[in-house]
Amino acid sequence: MRPLQMVDTKTQYRKIKSEVDAAVLSVMESSMFIGGKVVSEFAENLAKYHGSKYCITCANGTDALQIAMMALGLKPGDEVITPSFTYIATVEVAALLNIKPIFVEVNAQTFCIDPEAIEKAITPKTKAIIPVHLYGHAADMEKIMLIAKKYNLVVIEDNAQAIGCDYIFDDGTVKKTGTIGDIGCTSFYPSKNLGAFGDGGAIFTDDDALADKLRMIASHGQSKRYYHDVVGCNSRLDAIQAAILNIKLTHLDAYIAARRKAADFYDKAFAGNKSIITPYRASNNKHVFHQYTLTLADINRDKLNQFLTDNGVPNMIYYPVPAHRQKMFDAFGGKEYNLLVTDWLTERVISLPIHTELDEEQQEFIANKVLEFINR
């Protein structure tokens, strides 16, 4: 059996080595390392894949969120509604801009923000909703967009973990996550479903004026070189990463299919076990399984984590401490929140290896070790 890894980027690279190497060498030969044709082509191809009018590339997913908030004119004292059960980057940038994150509950099945909790949290200071498509499952965007329209709020989708996910509206319309709200943000961190060989990010919108502002903010606030119209930052996707991502984009649907196949194997292996709740798949979206995350009903998660580690099975806990309980949010009233579902999940979730290179022998070993612990 090949060694187990949480994410096997090396084997994935070897399968497309000739394509990637040629693309990187082409950039090296051109010596156009920042901006240029390769970056523009990738942005155009990714926009086309998503069905989005504009795609603005940037340095990473965290920058994408910050640039989005700046472009929408969010100001110190404004409030944004967000889940606490998420990676810290979602809310870190709000705090950085002195925007107050208002933490709300998630749905225990989908791990995504609860629309009913959103509406209850709206105040006169609320300006935006930031749904997170966690682990590759879409938030309930149809309900979220209705709430946003009702209260005149903007929506920033954190799509860092769900690139390629289809969301299906009640009328049958299908849109990619990240293209439903006013702005969508994603990350190309190497472990992502569409991962670079370094950092990278992108921002999606269909709004002409917003697209112009996003571009300016990502490039020092420039409307043209040396003419700075707004306060911006320096956030660029380099040409080597764009070249690699352009190749990997052509394989993305196959990568997603491989992840779904691996998830199907796990689902079957754990079917009927009352101690394990396998990932929920809502009928209105097509899960892309950035993570395969179990919720443990009546067993000690931390002891399972240690048992798997001791037996050579990689596993991760995403996330052991919710955002509202992080010290960095004490100044924003984090200690005042009582989010029972979020706290319950942080004590019970555990993620197993899932990536494009898993084979059945590896998965059988992983599943058997999980069941060995539960059934002993």
Protein backbone atom coordinates (compact mmCIF):
# COMPACT_ATOMS: atom_id res chain seq x y z
CA MET A 1 0.00 0.00 0.00
CA ARG A 2 1.25 3.48 -0.85
CA PRO A 3 1.90 5.75 2.15
CA LEU A 4 -1.22 7.55 3.35
CA GLN A 5 -1.41 11.32 3.14
CA MET A 6 -4.12 13.82 3.96
CA VAL A 7 -3.56 15.37 0.53
CA ASP A 8 -1.31 13.76 -2.08
CA THR A 9 -0.22 16.68 -4.25
CA LYS A 10 2.99 14.92 -5.30
CA THR A 11 1.24 11.99 -7.03
CA GLN A 12 -1.24 14.39 -8.60
CA TYR A 13 1.63 16.44 -10.00
CA ARG A 14 3.37 13.40 -11.44
CA LYS A 15 0.29 12.59 -13.53
CA ILE A 16 0.33 16.01 -15.20
CA LYS A 17 4.06 16.65 -14.92
CA SER A 18 4.74 17.11 -18.61
CA GLU A 19 1.91 19.66 -18.99
CA VAL A 20 2.84 21.61 -15.88
CA ASP A 21 6.58 21.60 -16.57
CA ALA A 22 6.05 22.89 -20.10
CA ALA A 23 3.77 25.67 -18.84
CA VAL A 24 6.22 26.75 -16.15
CA LEU A 25 9.18 26.69 -18.54
CA SER A 26 7.20 28.83 -20.96
CA VAL A 27 6.80 31.49 -18.26
CA MET A 28 10.49 31.26 -17.41
CA GLU A 29 11.41 31.76 -21.06
CA SER A 30 9.11 34.76 -21.36
CA SER A 31 10.46 36.34 -18.15
CA MET A 32 6.99 37.84 -17.63
CA PHE A 33 6.60 36.82 -13.99
CA ILE A 34 4.03 39.36 -12.78
CA GLY A 35 0.85 39.91 -14.76
CA GLY A 36 0.89 39.42 -18.50
CA LYS A 37 -0.84 37.08 -20.92
CA VAL A 38 -0.72 33.91 -18.80
CA VAL A 39 -2.46 35.53 -15.83
CA SER A 40 -5.08 37.12 -18.09
CA GLU A 41 -5.76 33.82 -19.84
CA PHE A 42 -6.21 31.99 -16.55
CA ALA A 43 -8.61 34.66 -15.27
CA GLU A 44 -10.64 34.42 -18.47
CA ASN A 45 -10.71 30.63 -18.40
CA LEU A 46 -11.74 30.51 -14.75
CA ALA A 47 -14.50 33.09 -15.33
CA LYS A 48 -15.77 31.01 -18.23
CA TYR A 49 -15.70 27.81 -16.16
CA HIS A 50 -17.70 29.51 -13.42
CA GLY A 51 -20.11 31.30 -15.69
CA SER A 52 -19.00 34.60 -14.14
CA LYS A 53 -18.60 37.83 -16.08
CA TYR A 54 -15.38 38.80 -14.29
CA CYS A 55 -12.59 37.02 -12.46
CA ILE A 56 -9.95 39.15 -10.73
CA THR A 57 -6.93 37.20 -9.54
CA CYS A 58 -5.02 38.07 -6.37
CA ALA A 59 -2.34 36.75 -4.03
CA ASN A 60 -4.45 34.49 -1.79
CA GLY A 61 -7.94 33.76 -0.55
CA THR A 62 -7.60 35.96 2.53
CA ASP A 63 -6.70 38.94 0.36
CA ALA A 64 -9.70 38.13 -1.83
CA LEU A 65 -12.02 38.57 1.14
CA GLN A 66 -10.33 41.78 2.26
CA ILE A 67 -10.42 43.29 -1.22
CA ALA A 68 -14.10 42.35 -1.52
CA MET A 69 -14.98 44.14 1.73
CA MET A 70 -13.00 47.20 0.68
CA ALA A 71 -14.61 47.31 -2.75
CA LEU A 72 -18.10 47.14 -1.25
CA GLY A 73 -17.34 50.16 0.90
CA LEU A 74 -17.68 48.46 4.27
CA LYS A 75 -16.50 50.81 7.00
CA PRO A 76 -15.40 50.64 10.66
CA GLY A 77 -18.44 50.02 12.82
CA ASP A 78 -20.39 48.20 10.11
CA GLU A 79 -21.52 44.66 10.91
CA VAL A 80 -21.15 41.54 8.79
CA ILE A 81 -22.96 38.30 9.59
CA THR A 82 -20.80 35.20 9.36
CA PRO A 83 -20.58 31.69 10.76
CA SER A 84 -18.20 31.08 13.64
CA PHE A 85 -17.59 27.53 12.44
CA THR A 86 -15.11 28.39 9.70
CA TYR A 87 -11.43 28.98 9.06
CA ILE A 88 -10.28 32.17 10.74
CA ALA A 89 -9.54 33.99 7.46
CA THR A 90 -13.27 34.48 6.83
CA VAL A 91 -13.61 36.82 9.78
CA GLU A 92 -10.01 37.90 10.35
CA VAL A 93 -10.16 40.41 7.53
CA ALA A 94 -13.32 41.99 8.93
CA ALA A 95 -11.54 42.60 12.23
CA LEU A 96 -8.51 43.94 10.35
CA LEU A 97 -10.76 46.57 8.73
CA ASN A 98 -12.50 47.30 12.08
CA ILE A 99 -15.72 45.81 10.78
CA LYS A 100 -17.62 43.90 13.44
CA PRO A 101 -18.26 40.21 12.73
CA ILE A 102 -21.60 39.00 14.04
CA PHE A 103 -21.32 35.26 14.59
CA VAL A 104 -24.30 33.01 13.97
CA GLU A 105 -25.06 29.31 14.00
CA VAL A 106 -24.55 26.77 11.28
CA ASN A 107 -26.75 23.89 10.20
CA ALA A 108 -25.54 20.75 11.99
CA GLN A 109 -25.96 18.66 8.84
CA THR A 110 -24.38 20.88 6.19
CA PHE A 111 -21.89 22.73 8.45
CA CYS A 112 -22.94 25.92 6.62
CA ILE A 113 -24.52 29.12 7.92
CA ASP A 114 -28.16 28.82 9.04
CA PRO A 115 -30.40 31.27 7.11
CA GLU A 116 -32.84 31.56 10.03
CA ALA A 117 -29.97 32.59 12.30
CA ILE A 118 -28.94 35.24 9.77
CA GLU A 119 -32.29 37.00 9.82
CA LYS A 120 -32.41 37.04 13.62
CA ALA A 121 -28.99 38.70 13.78
CA ILE A 122 -29.72 41.64 11.44
CA THR A 123 -29.49 45.12 12.97
CA PRO A 124 -29.45 48.64 11.48
CA LYS A 125 -25.64 48.32 11.34
CA THR A 126 -25.68 45.11 9.29
CA LYS A 127 -24.23 45.64 5.83
CA ALA A 128 -23.22 42.19 4.55
CA ILE A 129 -23.65 38.44 4.86
CA ILE A 130 -20.63 36.16 4.40
CA PRO A 131 -21.76 32.56 3.81
CA VAL A 132 -19.01 29.94 3.81
CA HIS A 133 -19.36 26.86 1.61
CA LEU A 134 -17.60 24.69 4.16
CA TYR A 135 -15.85 21.42 3.30
CA GLY A 136 -17.21 21.65 -0.28
CA HIS A 137 -20.94 21.78 0.54
CA ALA A 138 -22.89 24.85 -0.56
CA ALA A 139 -24.67 27.09 1.90
CA ASP A 140 -28.40 27.57 1.29
CA MET A 141 -27.86 30.44 -1.15
CA GLU A 142 -31.44 30.79 -2.39
CA LYS A 143 -32.69 31.62 1.12
CA ILE A 144 -29.65 33.76 1.84
CA MET A 145 -30.13 35.86 -1.29
CA LEU A 146 -33.81 36.41 -0.43
CA ILE A 147 -32.82 37.67 3.02
CA ALA A 148 -30.16 39.92 1.50
CA LYS A 149 -32.69 41.42 -0.91
CA LYS A 150 -35.26 41.91 1.85
CA TYR A 151 -32.83 43.87 4.05
CA ASN A 152 -30.74 45.47 1.27
CA LEU A 153 -27.55 43.64 2.24
CA VAL A 154 -24.59 42.59 0.10
CA VAL A 155 -23.41 38.97 -0.02
CA ILE A 156 -19.75 37.90 -0.12
CA GLU A 157 -19.35 34.17 -0.71
CA ASP A 158 -16.35 32.46 0.87
CA ASN A 159 -15.87 29.77 -1.76
CA ALA A 160 -12.33 28.75 -0.78
CA GLN A 161 -13.40 25.15 -0.13
CA ALA A 162 -16.07 24.64 -2.77
CA ILE A 163 -14.72 25.65 -6.16
CA GLY A 164 -16.64 23.77 -8.85
CA CYS A 165 -19.71 23.14 -6.68
CA ASP A 166 -23.06 23.47 -8.47
CA TYR A 167 -25.97 25.05 -6.58
CA ILE A 168 -29.46 24.29 -7.87
CA PHE A 169 -32.26 26.81 -7.36
CA ASP A 170 -35.90 25.83 -6.91
CA ASP A 171 -36.68 26.78 -10.52
CA GLY A 172 -33.93 24.47 -11.80
CA THR A 173 -31.36 27.22 -12.46
CA VAL A 174 -27.82 26.00 -11.75
CA LYS A 175 -24.98 28.30 -10.71
CA LYS A 176 -21.50 27.67 -9.41
CA THR A 177 -20.91 28.67 -5.82
CA GLY A 178 -18.95 31.89 -5.74
CA THR A 179 -21.07 33.42 -8.52
CA ILE A 180 -24.39 33.78 -6.69
CA GLY A 181 -23.70 36.66 -4.31
CA ASP A 182 -22.44 40.14 -5.14
CA ILE A 183 -18.86 38.91 -4.87
CA GLY A 184 -17.34 35.44 -4.58
CA CYS A 185 -13.88 34.72 -3.18
CA THR A 186 -11.70 31.66 -3.53
CA SER A 187 -8.25 30.34 -2.65
CA PHE A 188 -5.69 28.33 -4.61
CA TYR A 189 -3.76 27.09 -1.57
CA PRO A 190 -2.01 23.85 -2.64
CA SER A 191 -4.41 21.54 -0.77
CA LYS A 192 -7.51 23.06 -2.35
CA ASN A 193 -9.49 21.21 -5.05
CA LEU A 194 -7.89 23.61 -7.53
CA GLY A 195 -4.54 24.15 -5.87
CA ALA A 196 -1.48 26.08 -6.99
CA PHE A 197 2.12 25.23 -6.13
CA GLY A 198 2.10 28.20 -3.78
CA ASP A 199 -0.45 30.83 -2.77
CA GLY A 200 -3.12 32.38 -4.95
CA GLY A 201 -6.68 33.62 -4.93
CA ALA A 202 -9.46 35.02 -7.08
CA ILE A 203 -12.56 37.18 -6.85
CA PHE A 204 -15.73 36.81 -8.96
CA THR A 205 -18.45 39.30 -9.82
CA ASP A 206 -20.89 40.13 -12.60
CA ASP A 207 -20.98 43.83 -11.72
CA ASP A 208 -18.99 46.09 -14.07
CA ALA A 209 -18.30 48.85 -11.55
CA LEU A 210 -17.39 46.39 -8.80
CA ALA A 211 -14.98 44.58 -11.12
CA ASP A 212 -13.18 47.83 -11.89
CA LYS A 213 -12.93 48.68 -8.20
CA LEU A 214 -11.71 45.19 -7.27
CA ARG A 215 -8.94 45.44 -9.86
CA MET A 216 -7.89 48.85 -8.60
CA ILE A 217 -7.80 47.84 -4.95
CA ALA A 218 -5.76 44.73 -5.72
CA SER A 219 -3.21 46.90 -7.54
CA HIS A 220 -2.46 49.76 -5.14
CA GLY A 221 -5.73 51.51 -6.01
CA GLN A 222 -4.53 52.27 -9.53
CA SER A 223 -6.92 53.12 -12.37
CA LYS A 224 -3.83 53.22 -14.58
CA ARG A 225 -0.15 53.05 -13.77
CA TYR A 226 0.90 55.66 -11.20
CA TYR A 227 -2.66 57.07 -10.92
CA HIS A 228 -4.14 55.94 -7.61
CA ASP A 229 -7.87 56.59 -7.24
CA VAL A 230 -8.61 54.65 -4.05
CA VAL A 231 -6.69 53.19 -1.14
CA GLY A 232 -5.64 49.72 -2.19
CA CYS A 233 -3.16 46.96 -1.49
CA ASN A 234 -0.64 44.88 -3.38
CA SER A 235 -2.17 41.49 -4.12
CA ARG A 236 -1.13 39.66 -7.28
CA LEU A 237 -1.22 36.12 -8.62
CA ASP A 238 2.16 35.47 -10.19
CA ALA A 239 2.44 34.12 -13.72
CA ILE A 240 4.01 30.78 -12.72
CA GLN A 241 1.07 29.98 -10.45
CA ALA A 242 -1.37 31.11 -13.15
CA ALA A 243 0.30 28.79 -15.67
CA ILE A 244 0.04 25.83 -13.30
CA LEU A 245 -3.57 26.63 -12.42
CA ASN A 246 -4.47 26.97 -16.09
CA ILE A 247 -3.36 23.37 -16.61
CA LYS A 248 -5.04 22.09 -13.47
CA LEU A 249 -8.30 23.86 -14.34
CA THR A 250 -8.69 21.53 -17.33
CA HIS A 251 -8.57 18.60 -14.87
CA LEU A 252 -10.81 20.13 -12.18
CA ASP A 253 -14.00 18.27 -13.07
CA ALA A 254 -12.08 14.97 -13.08
CA TYR A 255 -10.56 15.88 -9.69
CA ILE A 256 -14.03 16.56 -8.30
CA ALA A 257 -15.31 13.26 -9.69
CA ALA A 258 -12.41 11.43 -7.98
CA ARG A 259 -13.23 13.09 -4.66
CA ARG A 260 -16.90 12.14 -4.97
CA LYS A 261 -15.93 8.56 -5.74
CA ALA A 262 -13.76 8.47 -2.62
CA ALA A 263 -16.63 9.95 -0.58
CA ASP A 264 -18.97 7.26 -1.94
CA PHE A 265 -16.54 4.58 -0.74
CA TYR A 266 -16.44 6.03 2.77
CA ASP A 267 -20.23 6.44 2.85
CA LYS A 268 -20.69 2.77 2.02
CA ALA A 269 -18.05 1.64 4.53
CA PHE A 270 -19.69 3.54 7.39
CA ALA A 271 -23.33 2.98 6.38
CA GLY A 272 -25.54 1.93 9.25
CA ASN A 273 -23.03 2.71 11.99
CA LYS A 274 -24.88 4.70 14.63
CA SER A 275 -21.71 6.27 16.00
CA ILE A 276 -20.81 7.94 12.71
CA ILE A 277 -22.70 10.65 10.84
CA THR A 278 -21.34 10.81 7.30
CA PRO A 279 -21.35 14.09 5.32
CA TYR A 280 -24.79 15.29 4.32
CA ARG A 281 -25.47 15.93 0.65
CA ALA A 282 -28.38 18.33 0.10
CA SER A 283 -30.40 17.75 -3.05
CA ASN A 284 -29.94 21.36 -4.17
CA ASN A 285 -26.17 21.21 -4.48
CA LYS A 286 -23.39 18.92 -5.67
CA HIS A 287 -20.84 18.47 -2.90
CA VAL A 288 -17.21 18.68 -4.11
CA PHE A 289 -15.66 17.18 -0.95
CA HIS A 290 -12.77 19.44 -0.18
CA GLN A 291 -12.93 17.57 3.10
CA TYR A 292 -14.64 14.34 4.10
CA THR A 293 -15.79 15.21 7.59
CA LEU A 294 -17.46 12.81 10.00
CA THR A 295 -19.56 13.89 12.96
CA LEU A 296 -19.15 11.45 15.84
CA ALA A 297 -22.32 10.80 17.79
CA ASP A 298 -21.30 8.95 20.94
CA ILE A 299 -17.55 8.33 20.90
CA ASN A 300 -14.57 10.38 21.99
CA ARG A 301 -13.31 12.30 18.96
CA ASP A 302 -9.93 13.15 20.47
CA LYS A 303 -9.23 9.53 21.35
CA LEU A 304 -10.14 8.49 17.78
CA ASN A 305 -7.83 11.22 16.49
CA GLN A 306 -4.96 9.81 18.56
CA PHE A 307 -5.75 6.20 17.64
CA LEU A 308 -5.71 6.95 13.93
CA THR A 309 -2.50 8.95 14.25
CA ASP A 310 -0.84 6.11 16.16
CA ASN A 311 -1.89 3.70 13.41
CA GLY A 312 -0.56 5.78 10.54
CA VAL A 313 -3.86 7.22 9.36
CA PRO A 314 -3.68 10.98 8.69
CA ASN A 315 -6.67 12.91 10.02
CA MET A 316 -7.48 16.48 10.90
CA ILE A 317 -9.87 18.40 13.10
CA TYR A 318 -11.36 21.32 11.17
CA TYR A 319 -11.91 23.29 13.43
CA PRO A 320 -11.23 22.64 17.14
CA VAL A 321 -11.89 26.23 18.28
CA PRO A 322 -14.65 28.28 16.64
CA ALA A 323 -13.91 31.87 15.67
CA HIS A 324 -15.99 33.47 18.41
CA ARG A 325 -13.91 31.65 21.05
CA GLN A 326 -10.58 32.78 19.64
CA LYS A 327 -8.72 35.36 21.75
CA MET A 328 -8.46 37.70 18.80
CA PHE A 329 -12.22 38.28 18.95
CA ASP A 330 -12.49 39.06 22.65
CA ALA A 331 -12.56 42.75 21.73
CA PHE A 332 -15.53 42.08 19.45
CA GLY A 333 -17.58 40.40 22.18
CA GLY A 334 -16.72 36.85 21.22
CA LYS A 335 -17.15 35.55 24.77
CA GLU A 336 -20.77 36.75 24.83
CA TYR A 337 -21.95 34.28 22.19
CA ASN A 338 -23.81 31.09 22.99
CA LEU A 339 -23.61 28.99 19.82
CA LEU A 340 -24.61 25.50 20.93
CA VAL A 341 -24.53 23.82 17.51
CA THR A 342 -21.14 25.31 16.70
CA ASP A 343 -19.69 24.22 20.03
CA TRP A 344 -21.19 20.75 19.62
CA LEU A 345 -19.61 20.33 16.19
CA THR A 346 -16.16 21.49 17.27
CA GLU A 347 -16.08 18.63 19.77
CA ARG A 348 -17.26 15.97 17.32
CA VAL A 349 -15.94 16.57 13.80
CA ILE A 350 -12.98 14.73 12.32
CA SER A 351 -11.81 14.72 8.70
CA LEU A 352 -10.35 11.71 6.91
CA PRO A 353 -7.97 11.75 3.92
CA ILE A 354 -9.73 12.66 0.70
CA HIS A 355 -7.97 13.64 -2.50
CA THR A 356 -7.70 12.75 -6.15
CA GLU A 357 -5.11 10.00 -5.70
CA LEU A 358 -6.77 7.80 -3.06
CA ASP A 359 -7.17 4.16 -4.06
CA GLU A 360 -9.51 1.54 -2.60
CA GLU A 361 -6.74 -0.28 -0.75
CA GLN A 362 -5.88 2.91 1.10
CA GLN A 363 -9.49 3.75 1.81
CA GLU A 364 -10.25 0.26 3.05
CA PHE A 365 -7.35 0.51 5.50
CA ILE A 366 -8.54 3.94 6.71
CA ALA A 367 -12.16 2.86 7.11
CA ASN A 368 -11.19 -0.36 8.89
CA LYS A 369 -9.10 1.55 11.39
CA VAL A 370 -11.98 3.92 12.13
CA LEU A 371 -14.34 0.98 12.63
CA GLU A 372 -11.78 -0.91 14.68
CA PHE A 373 -11.71 1.94 17.19
CA ILE A 374 -15.48 2.36 17.27
CA ASN A 375 -16.28 -1.34 17.61
CA ARG A 376 -13.65 -2.30 20.16
